[in-house]
Amino acid sequence: MYPIVKSEKLADKIYLMEIKAPRVAKSCEPGQFIIAKTDEQGERIPLTICDYDRTAGTVTIVIQTVGASTERMVKLKAGESLMDFVGPLGRASELISTDIEELKKKKIVFIAGGLGTAPVYPQVKWLHNHGVDCDVIMGAKTKDLLIYVDEMKKAATNLYVTTDDGSFGFHGMGTNQLQALYDEGARYDLCIAIGPMIMMKFVCLLTKELNIPTVVSMNPIMVDGTGMCGACRLTVGGEVKFACVDGPEFDGHLVDFDQAMKRQQIYKTEEGRAMLKLTEGDTHHGGCGQCGGDK
């Protein structure tokens, strides 16, 4: 069992939990995720690691309620426990393995949309702790849906907050803010965009036009998180990849977003999943080596 140290509501349908999981906290890095399970009846839910404290042995996750299992999870209070908390999974951000002095030479911008703020924060915090500057554009539909604004202010060199309805900060989306900064003379060597797939698609269309290399995190399409279900199958540069084992981060300019979004819709129904399994054959699974899907 994994004790819940802290549980609080951040915004409508968005909750934060701090979990006591020393082994995960000891080895996790920004960009990775975990799989949590509330109880025997609960689903296995992939969740991005939002923060971690190696000394305290805790890992922070942010949960958006989208179904029965997540609803049950967020109703748990501090002092109660999760049955399973497995990780870290996926590949850490490439920033972690890049020479710090080289990173200091780069002008980096993050674009976080909605819940994408959660996986962006640990990367920005990591850069800040290593003396690397970066700008952050973070947005939501309205002011009430913004999360981690104060935390991001402490970690980012420059923070630009946007809302679709103009209720707080810049009136517009992250792409509008990036274009505005570019028009004012800002130039970036790297963009890291995390959020809904449609948002990442349009960020990549803009950054390709502005000639800014862009990394995206494809965690929104995960279901199982271990390569067994085939849900996170996508095409990157013409090759089949699986977000949970090959990512979740990829070169955004090589991701086929239209295919990924269409596939995500099809996967929601049992009939759709059966059709995907039939048409994709041996490439339907991520090669977990345990379910026979890779044979």
Foldseek 3Di string as FASTA:
>chain_A
DKFWAAWDAFFVQKIKTKIQAQVQLQDDAQFFWKWFAADPPAATHIWHFQDHDNVRRITMTMGGDDDDRSVVVNVDGGGDGTPDIGDRFFDHDVVVVDDLVVQQVFAEEEEEEQVSNRSVLRVLQVNQVSVHAYEYEYEYQAPRRDGCPVVVVVRHPYYAYEHCCPNDGHNHGPLVVVVVVVVVPDDGQEYEYEDDLVNLLVNLVSCVVVVHWYKYFQVVQDRRLQQAQLRQWFWFQNDTAGCSHHHRIDGSNRTPSVVNVVLSVLVVDPVSSVVLCVVVQLSSTHPNVPNPSND
